[in-house]
Amino acid sequence: MIRKTVIVLLTLSCAFSQDISKILKKIEKLKTFSKTERKIEISYDPFFPTKKKKVKKKIIKKRTPLKLKAILNKEALINGKWLKEGSRVGNYKIIKIEEQRVWLKRGQKTILLKLYKKPSLLKVKEIVR
């Protein structure tokens, strides 16, 4: 029994001694690493900026064209919204709503929106006999 324990202890000590020797070698490498001198060359170009400047992107809002679809009871359907005189659509103010057109104003600029009339598909002719 004592022989077995001695053999086991000797085997374990041999195994650990190899691991310990590897660890000690690594520690020695780390100690010598900090002592070595190295020349570090820094290339610097004064005409090349070291920091990149962030460029702000301008957000360009596209203006949706104003489309007059219908006029009913002094209200106009412009771009899908029913609007009255005096209300605003985009940067424009509605000045006047007529039977077939709408007048809009922005500053000194005045524009006119007209109802688009589709050509009729059927033509009616009166036949006199």
N, C-alpha and C. Protein backbone atom coordinates (compact mmCIF):
# COMPACT_ATOMS: atom_id res chain seq x y z
N MET A 1 0.81 -1.18 0.00
CA MET A 1 0.00 0.00 0.00
C MET A 1 0.87 1.26 0.00
N ILE A 2 1.91 1.22 0.80
CA ILE A 2 2.81 2.36 0.89
C ILE A 2 3.54 2.53 -0.44
N ARG A 3 3.89 1.42 -1.07
CA ARG A 3 4.58 1.48 -2.36
C ARG A 3 3.71 2.18 -3.40
N LYS A 4 2.42 1.84 -3.39
CA LYS A 4 1.51 2.43 -4.38
C LYS A 4 1.40 3.94 -4.17
N THR A 5 1.30 4.37 -2.94
CA THR A 5 1.19 5.80 -2.69
C THR A 5 2.47 6.54 -3.06
N VAL A 6 3.61 5.90 -2.80
CA VAL A 6 4.89 6.52 -3.16
C VAL A 6 5.00 6.63 -4.68
N ILE A 7 4.60 5.58 -5.40
CA ILE A 7 4.66 5.60 -6.86
C ILE A 7 3.73 6.68 -7.42
N VAL A 8 2.55 6.78 -6.85
CA VAL A 8 1.58 7.80 -7.31
C VAL A 8 2.13 9.19 -7.04
N LEU A 9 2.71 9.40 -5.87
CA LEU A 9 3.26 10.71 -5.53
C LEU A 9 4.42 11.07 -6.45
N LEU A 10 5.28 10.12 -6.75
CA LEU A 10 6.41 10.38 -7.65
C LEU A 10 5.93 10.71 -9.06
N THR A 11 4.91 9.99 -9.51
CA THR A 11 4.38 10.24 -10.85
C THR A 11 3.76 11.64 -10.93
N LEU A 12 3.00 11.99 -9.90
CA LEU A 12 2.37 13.31 -9.89
C LEU A 12 3.41 14.43 -9.80
N SER A 13 4.42 14.21 -9.01
CA SER A 13 5.45 15.25 -8.87
C SER A 13 6.20 15.44 -10.18
N CYS A 14 6.44 14.36 -10.93
CA CYS A 14 7.10 14.48 -12.24
C CYS A 14 6.21 15.26 -13.22
N ALA A 15 4.93 14.96 -13.20
CA ALA A 15 4.00 15.63 -14.11
C ALA A 15 3.92 17.12 -13.78
N PHE A 16 3.83 17.44 -12.48
CA PHE A 16 3.75 18.84 -12.08
C PHE A 16 5.06 19.56 -12.32
N SER A 17 6.18 18.88 -12.21
CA SER A 17 7.47 19.53 -12.40
C SER A 17 7.64 19.97 -13.85
N GLN A 18 7.10 19.19 -14.79
CA GLN A 18 7.18 19.59 -16.20
C GLN A 18 6.31 20.83 -16.45
N ASP A 19 5.12 20.85 -15.86
CA ASP A 19 4.24 22.02 -16.00
C ASP A 19 4.86 23.25 -15.34
N ILE A 20 5.46 23.04 -14.18
CA ILE A 20 6.06 24.15 -13.47
C ILE A 20 7.25 24.69 -14.24
N SER A 21 8.03 23.82 -14.84
CA SER A 21 9.18 24.29 -15.62
C SER A 21 8.73 25.10 -16.84
N LYS A 22 7.62 24.71 -17.45
CA LYS A 22 7.09 25.47 -18.60
C LYS A 22 6.63 26.86 -18.15
N ILE A 23 5.98 26.89 -17.01
CA ILE A 23 5.49 28.16 -16.49
C ILE A 23 6.65 29.08 -16.14
N LEU A 24 7.71 28.51 -15.54
CA LEU A 24 8.87 29.31 -15.18
C LEU A 24 9.57 29.86 -16.42
N LYS A 25 9.62 29.09 -17.49
CA LYS A 25 10.23 29.56 -18.74
C LYS A 25 9.43 30.73 -19.33
N LYS A 26 8.12 30.64 -19.25
CA LYS A 26 7.27 31.72 -19.77
C LYS A 26 7.46 33.00 -18.96
N ILE A 27 7.62 32.83 -17.64
CA ILE A 27 7.84 33.99 -16.78
C ILE A 27 9.17 34.65 -17.12
N GLU A 28 10.18 33.87 -17.37
CA GLU A 28 11.50 34.41 -17.74
C GLU A 28 11.42 35.17 -19.06
N LYS A 29 10.64 34.65 -20.01
CA LYS A 29 10.48 35.35 -21.29
C LYS A 29 9.82 36.71 -21.08
N LEU A 30 8.84 36.75 -20.19
CA LEU A 30 8.16 38.01 -19.92
C LEU A 30 9.10 39.02 -19.26
N LYS A 31 9.97 38.54 -18.38
CA LYS A 31 10.90 39.44 -17.71
C LYS A 31 11.89 40.03 -18.71
N THR A 32 12.38 39.23 -19.62
CA THR A 32 13.35 39.72 -20.60
C THR A 32 12.67 40.57 -21.67
N PHE A 33 11.41 40.37 -21.89
CA PHE A 33 10.69 41.13 -22.91
C PHE A 33 10.64 42.61 -22.55
N SER A 34 10.43 42.91 -21.28
CA SER A 34 10.33 44.30 -20.87
C SER A 34 11.69 44.99 -20.88
N LYS A 35 12.77 44.22 -20.83
CA LYS A 35 14.10 44.81 -20.79
C LYS A 35 14.67 45.08 -22.18
N THR A 36 14.10 44.51 -23.20
CA THR A 36 14.66 44.71 -24.54
C THR A 36 14.31 46.10 -25.05
N GLU A 37 15.22 46.65 -25.83
CA GLU A 37 15.00 47.97 -26.41
C GLU A 37 14.55 47.80 -27.85
N ARG A 38 13.59 48.58 -28.19
CA ARG A 38 13.11 48.55 -29.56
C ARG A 38 12.98 49.98 -30.04
N LYS A 39 13.34 50.16 -31.28
CA LYS A 39 13.20 51.49 -31.86
C LYS A 39 11.84 51.57 -32.54
N ILE A 40 11.13 52.57 -32.17
CA ILE A 40 9.81 52.76 -32.76
C ILE A 40 9.88 54.00 -33.64
N GLU A 41 9.57 53.81 -34.90
CA GLU A 41 9.57 54.93 -35.83
C GLU A 41 8.13 55.36 -36.08
N ILE A 42 7.91 56.63 -35.92
CA ILE A 42 6.58 57.16 -36.17
C ILE A 42 6.66 58.03 -37.41
N SER A 43 5.90 57.63 -38.38
CA SER A 43 5.87 58.44 -39.59
C SER A 43 4.73 59.44 -39.45
N TYR A 44 5.05 60.70 -39.61
CA TYR A 44 4.07 61.74 -39.43
C TYR A 44 4.10 62.64 -40.66
N ASP A 45 2.95 62.82 -41.25
CA ASP A 45 2.83 63.69 -42.40
C ASP A 45 2.04 64.93 -41.97
N PRO A 46 2.67 66.09 -41.93
CA PRO A 46 1.95 67.29 -41.47
C PRO A 46 0.82 67.72 -42.40
N PHE A 47 0.85 67.24 -43.63
CA PHE A 47 -0.20 67.63 -44.58
C PHE A 47 -1.37 66.67 -44.59
N PHE A 48 -1.26 65.62 -43.83
CA PHE A 48 -2.35 64.64 -43.74
C PHE A 48 -2.95 64.72 -42.35
N PRO A 49 -4.22 65.06 -42.24
CA PRO A 49 -4.81 65.20 -40.90
C PRO A 49 -4.88 63.86 -40.18
N THR A 50 -4.55 63.90 -38.89
CA THR A 50 -4.57 62.65 -38.12
C THR A 50 -5.99 62.27 -37.73
N LYS A 51 -6.83 63.25 -37.48
CA LYS A 51 -8.21 62.97 -37.12
C LYS A 51 -9.11 63.25 -38.30
N LYS A 52 -10.03 62.36 -38.50
CA LYS A 52 -10.98 62.57 -39.59
C LYS A 52 -12.07 63.51 -39.12
N LYS A 53 -12.34 64.49 -39.93
CA LYS A 53 -13.39 65.44 -39.59
C LYS A 53 -14.73 64.85 -40.03
N LYS A 54 -15.69 64.99 -39.16
CA LYS A 54 -17.03 64.51 -39.48
C LYS A 54 -17.75 65.57 -40.29
N VAL A 55 -18.21 65.17 -41.44
CA VAL A 55 -18.93 66.09 -42.31
C VAL A 55 -20.42 65.86 -42.11
N LYS A 56 -21.11 66.92 -41.78
CA LYS A 56 -22.55 66.80 -41.59
C LYS A 56 -23.22 66.78 -42.95
N LYS A 57 -24.08 65.80 -43.12
CA LYS A 57 -24.80 65.70 -44.37
C LYS A 57 -26.04 66.57 -44.29
N LYS A 58 -26.23 67.35 -45.32
CA LYS A 58 -27.41 68.19 -45.37
C LYS A 58 -28.59 67.35 -45.84
N ILE A 59 -29.66 67.46 -45.11
CA ILE A 59 -30.87 66.74 -45.49
C ILE A 59 -31.69 67.66 -46.38
N ILE A 60 -31.85 67.23 -47.60
CA ILE A 60 -32.62 68.01 -48.55
C ILE A 60 -34.02 67.43 -48.62
N LYS A 61 -34.97 68.27 -48.22
CA LYS A 61 -36.35 67.81 -48.26
C LYS A 61 -36.91 68.07 -49.65
N LYS A 62 -37.42 67.03 -50.23
CA LYS A 62 -38.04 67.19 -51.54
C LYS A 62 -39.45 67.71 -51.34
N ARG A 63 -39.78 68.72 -52.10
CA ARG A 63 -41.12 69.27 -52.02
C ARG A 63 -42.05 68.40 -52.85
N THR A 64 -43.12 68.00 -52.24
CA THR A 64 -44.09 67.23 -53.00
C THR A 64 -44.91 68.20 -53.82
N PRO A 65 -45.14 67.86 -55.07
CA PRO A 65 -45.92 68.77 -55.91
C PRO A 65 -47.36 68.86 -55.39
N LEU A 66 -47.91 70.04 -55.47
CA LEU A 66 -49.28 70.26 -55.00
C LEU A 66 -50.24 69.78 -56.07
N LYS A 67 -51.12 68.87 -55.69
CA LYS A 67 -52.08 68.32 -56.64
C LYS A 67 -53.50 68.58 -56.14
N LEU A 68 -54.24 69.30 -56.95
CA LEU A 68 -55.63 69.59 -56.65
C LEU A 68 -56.48 68.50 -57.27
N LYS A 69 -57.21 67.77 -56.44
CA LYS A 69 -58.01 66.64 -56.92
C LYS A 69 -59.49 66.96 -57.01
N ALA A 70 -60.01 67.79 -56.07
CA ALA A 70 -61.44 68.07 -56.07
C ALA A 70 -61.73 69.37 -55.34
N ILE A 71 -62.87 69.97 -55.66
CA ILE A 71 -63.36 71.15 -54.95
C ILE A 71 -64.83 70.90 -54.64
N LEU A 72 -65.21 71.10 -53.37
CA LEU A 72 -66.59 70.86 -52.96
C LEU A 72 -66.92 71.76 -51.78
N ASN A 73 -67.98 72.58 -51.92
CA ASN A 73 -68.44 73.47 -50.84
C ASN A 73 -67.33 74.34 -50.27
N LYS A 74 -66.62 75.02 -51.11
CA LYS A 74 -65.53 75.93 -50.71
C LYS A 74 -64.41 75.21 -49.95
N GLU A 75 -64.25 73.92 -50.20
CA GLU A 75 -63.13 73.15 -49.66
C GLU A 75 -62.42 72.47 -50.82
N ALA A 76 -61.10 72.41 -50.72
CA ALA A 76 -60.30 71.83 -51.79
C ALA A 76 -59.56 70.59 -51.28
N LEU A 77 -59.52 69.57 -52.12
CA LEU A 77 -58.77 68.36 -51.79
C LEU A 77 -57.40 68.48 -52.45
N ILE A 78 -56.41 68.85 -51.63
CA ILE A 78 -55.04 69.04 -52.12
C ILE A 78 -54.15 68.02 -51.43
N ASN A 79 -53.47 67.22 -52.24
CA ASN A 79 -52.56 66.18 -51.73
C ASN A 79 -53.23 65.28 -50.69
N GLY A 80 -54.49 64.96 -50.92
CA GLY A 80 -55.19 64.02 -50.06
C GLY A 80 -55.80 64.62 -48.81
N LYS A 81 -55.77 65.96 -48.64
CA LYS A 81 -56.34 66.60 -47.45
C LYS A 81 -57.37 67.64 -47.88
N TRP A 82 -58.49 67.66 -47.18
CA TRP A 82 -59.52 68.66 -47.43
C TRP A 82 -59.15 69.93 -46.67
N LEU A 83 -59.03 71.05 -47.41
CA LEU A 83 -58.58 72.30 -46.82
C LEU A 83 -59.54 73.44 -47.17
N LYS A 84 -59.64 74.42 -46.27
CA LYS A 84 -60.50 75.59 -46.48
C LYS A 84 -59.63 76.80 -46.77
N GLU A 85 -60.28 77.91 -47.14
CA GLU A 85 -59.56 79.17 -47.34
C GLU A 85 -58.91 79.59 -46.03
N GLY A 86 -57.67 80.05 -46.11
CA GLY A 86 -56.94 80.48 -44.92
C GLY A 86 -56.06 79.39 -44.33
N SER A 87 -56.31 78.14 -44.68
CA SER A 87 -55.46 77.06 -44.15
C SER A 87 -54.18 76.95 -44.97
N ARG A 88 -53.23 76.21 -44.44
CA ARG A 88 -51.91 76.09 -45.08
C ARG A 88 -51.69 74.69 -45.63
N VAL A 89 -51.02 74.66 -46.78
CA VAL A 89 -50.57 73.40 -47.37
C VAL A 89 -49.10 73.61 -47.74
N GLY A 90 -48.20 72.88 -47.06
CA GLY A 90 -46.77 73.11 -47.24
C GLY A 90 -46.43 74.50 -46.73
N ASN A 91 -45.74 75.29 -47.55
CA ASN A 91 -45.39 76.67 -47.18
C ASN A 91 -46.40 77.67 -47.72
N TYR A 92 -47.43 77.20 -48.36
CA TYR A 92 -48.41 78.07 -49.00
C TYR A 92 -49.66 78.23 -48.15
N LYS A 93 -50.30 79.39 -48.32
CA LYS A 93 -51.57 79.67 -47.66
C LYS A 93 -52.64 79.76 -48.74
N ILE A 94 -53.79 79.13 -48.49
CA ILE A 94 -54.87 79.16 -49.47
C ILE A 94 -55.58 80.50 -49.33
N ILE A 95 -55.56 81.30 -50.43
CA ILE A 95 -56.20 82.61 -50.39
C ILE A 95 -57.65 82.54 -50.86
N LYS A 96 -57.86 81.80 -51.95
CA LYS A 96 -59.20 81.78 -52.52
C LYS A 96 -59.48 80.43 -53.17
N ILE A 97 -60.68 79.92 -52.94
CA ILE A 97 -61.11 78.68 -53.59
C ILE A 97 -62.28 79.03 -54.50
N GLU A 98 -62.08 78.77 -55.78
CA GLU A 98 -63.13 79.03 -56.77
C GLU A 98 -63.71 77.70 -57.23
N GLU A 99 -64.58 77.75 -58.23
CA GLU A 99 -65.27 76.55 -58.69
C GLU A 99 -64.33 75.53 -59.34
N GLN A 100 -63.34 76.01 -60.10
CA GLN A 100 -62.44 75.11 -60.82
C GLN A 100 -60.96 75.32 -60.48
N ARG A 101 -60.66 76.23 -59.55
CA ARG A 101 -59.25 76.51 -59.25
C ARG A 101 -59.07 77.03 -57.82
N VAL A 102 -57.82 76.96 -57.37
CA VAL A 102 -57.46 77.39 -56.02
C VAL A 102 -56.23 78.28 -56.12
N TRP A 103 -56.28 79.43 -55.43
CA TRP A 103 -55.17 80.37 -55.41
C TRP A 103 -54.38 80.17 -54.11
N LEU A 104 -53.05 80.02 -54.26
CA LEU A 104 -52.16 79.84 -53.10
C LEU A 104 -51.12 80.96 -53.10
N LYS A 105 -50.67 81.34 -51.89
CA LYS A 105 -49.68 82.42 -51.79
C LYS A 105 -48.61 82.06 -50.76
N ARG A 106 -47.36 82.39 -51.13
CA ARG A 106 -46.23 82.26 -50.21
C ARG A 106 -45.36 83.49 -50.40
N GLY A 107 -45.36 84.37 -49.43
CA GLY A 107 -44.62 85.62 -49.55
C GLY A 107 -45.20 86.46 -50.68
N GLN A 108 -44.38 86.79 -51.66
CA GLN A 108 -44.83 87.56 -52.82
C GLN A 108 -45.27 86.66 -53.97
N LYS A 109 -45.04 85.37 -53.84
CA LYS A 109 -45.34 84.43 -54.92
C LYS A 109 -46.77 83.90 -54.79
N THR A 110 -47.52 83.96 -55.89
CA THR A 110 -48.88 83.44 -55.92
C THR A 110 -48.95 82.38 -57.01
N ILE A 111 -49.52 81.23 -56.68
CA ILE A 111 -49.67 80.18 -57.69
C ILE A 111 -51.14 79.79 -57.80
N LEU A 112 -51.45 79.17 -58.92
CA LEU A 112 -52.82 78.78 -59.21
C LEU A 112 -52.86 77.28 -59.48
N LEU A 113 -53.75 76.58 -58.77
CA LEU A 113 -53.96 75.16 -59.02
C LEU A 113 -55.30 75.01 -59.71
N LYS A 114 -55.29 74.29 -60.82
CA LYS A 114 -56.53 74.07 -61.57
C LYS A 114 -56.93 72.61 -61.47
N LEU A 115 -58.23 72.38 -61.54
CA LEU A 115 -58.72 71.00 -61.59
C LEU A 115 -58.38 70.42 -62.95
N TYR A 116 -57.92 69.22 -62.95
CA TYR A 116 -57.58 68.53 -64.19
C TYR A 116 -58.84 67.86 -64.70
N LYS A 117 -59.21 68.20 -65.92
CA LYS A 117 -60.39 67.59 -66.52
C LYS A 117 -59.94 66.48 -67.44
N LYS A 118 -60.39 65.28 -67.17
CA LYS A 118 -60.07 64.16 -68.04
C LYS A 118 -60.99 64.21 -69.26
N PRO A 119 -60.47 63.91 -70.41
CA PRO A 119 -61.35 63.89 -71.58
C PRO A 119 -62.37 62.77 -71.44
N SER A 120 -63.58 63.07 -71.82
CA SER A 120 -64.63 62.05 -71.68
C SER A 120 -64.41 60.94 -72.70
N LEU A 121 -64.68 59.74 -72.28
CA LEU A 121 -64.48 58.59 -73.15
C LEU A 121 -65.61 58.43 -74.16
N LEU A 122 -66.79 58.88 -73.78
CA LEU A 122 -67.95 58.76 -74.67
C LEU A 122 -68.31 60.13 -75.22
N LYS A 123 -68.52 60.16 -76.50
CA LYS A 123 -68.97 61.40 -77.12
C LYS A 123 -70.41 61.20 -77.56
N VAL A 124 -71.24 62.10 -77.15
CA VAL A 124 -72.67 62.01 -77.47
C VAL A 124 -72.97 62.97 -78.62
N LYS A 125 -73.53 62.42 -79.66
CA LYS A 125 -73.92 63.24 -80.80
C LYS A 125 -75.44 63.25 -80.89
N GLU A 126 -75.94 64.39 -81.16
CA GLU A 126 -77.38 64.51 -81.31
C GLU A 126 -77.73 64.32 -82.79
N ILE A 127 -78.57 63.36 -83.03
CA ILE A 127 -78.96 63.07 -84.41
C ILE A 127 -80.34 63.69 -84.64
N VAL A 128 -80.42 64.50 -85.67
CA VAL A 128 -81.68 65.15 -86.02
C VAL A 128 -82.27 64.44 -87.22
N ARG A 129 -83.55 64.00 -87.12
CA ARG A 129 -84.21 63.33 -88.24
C ARG A 129 -85.37 64.10 -88.71
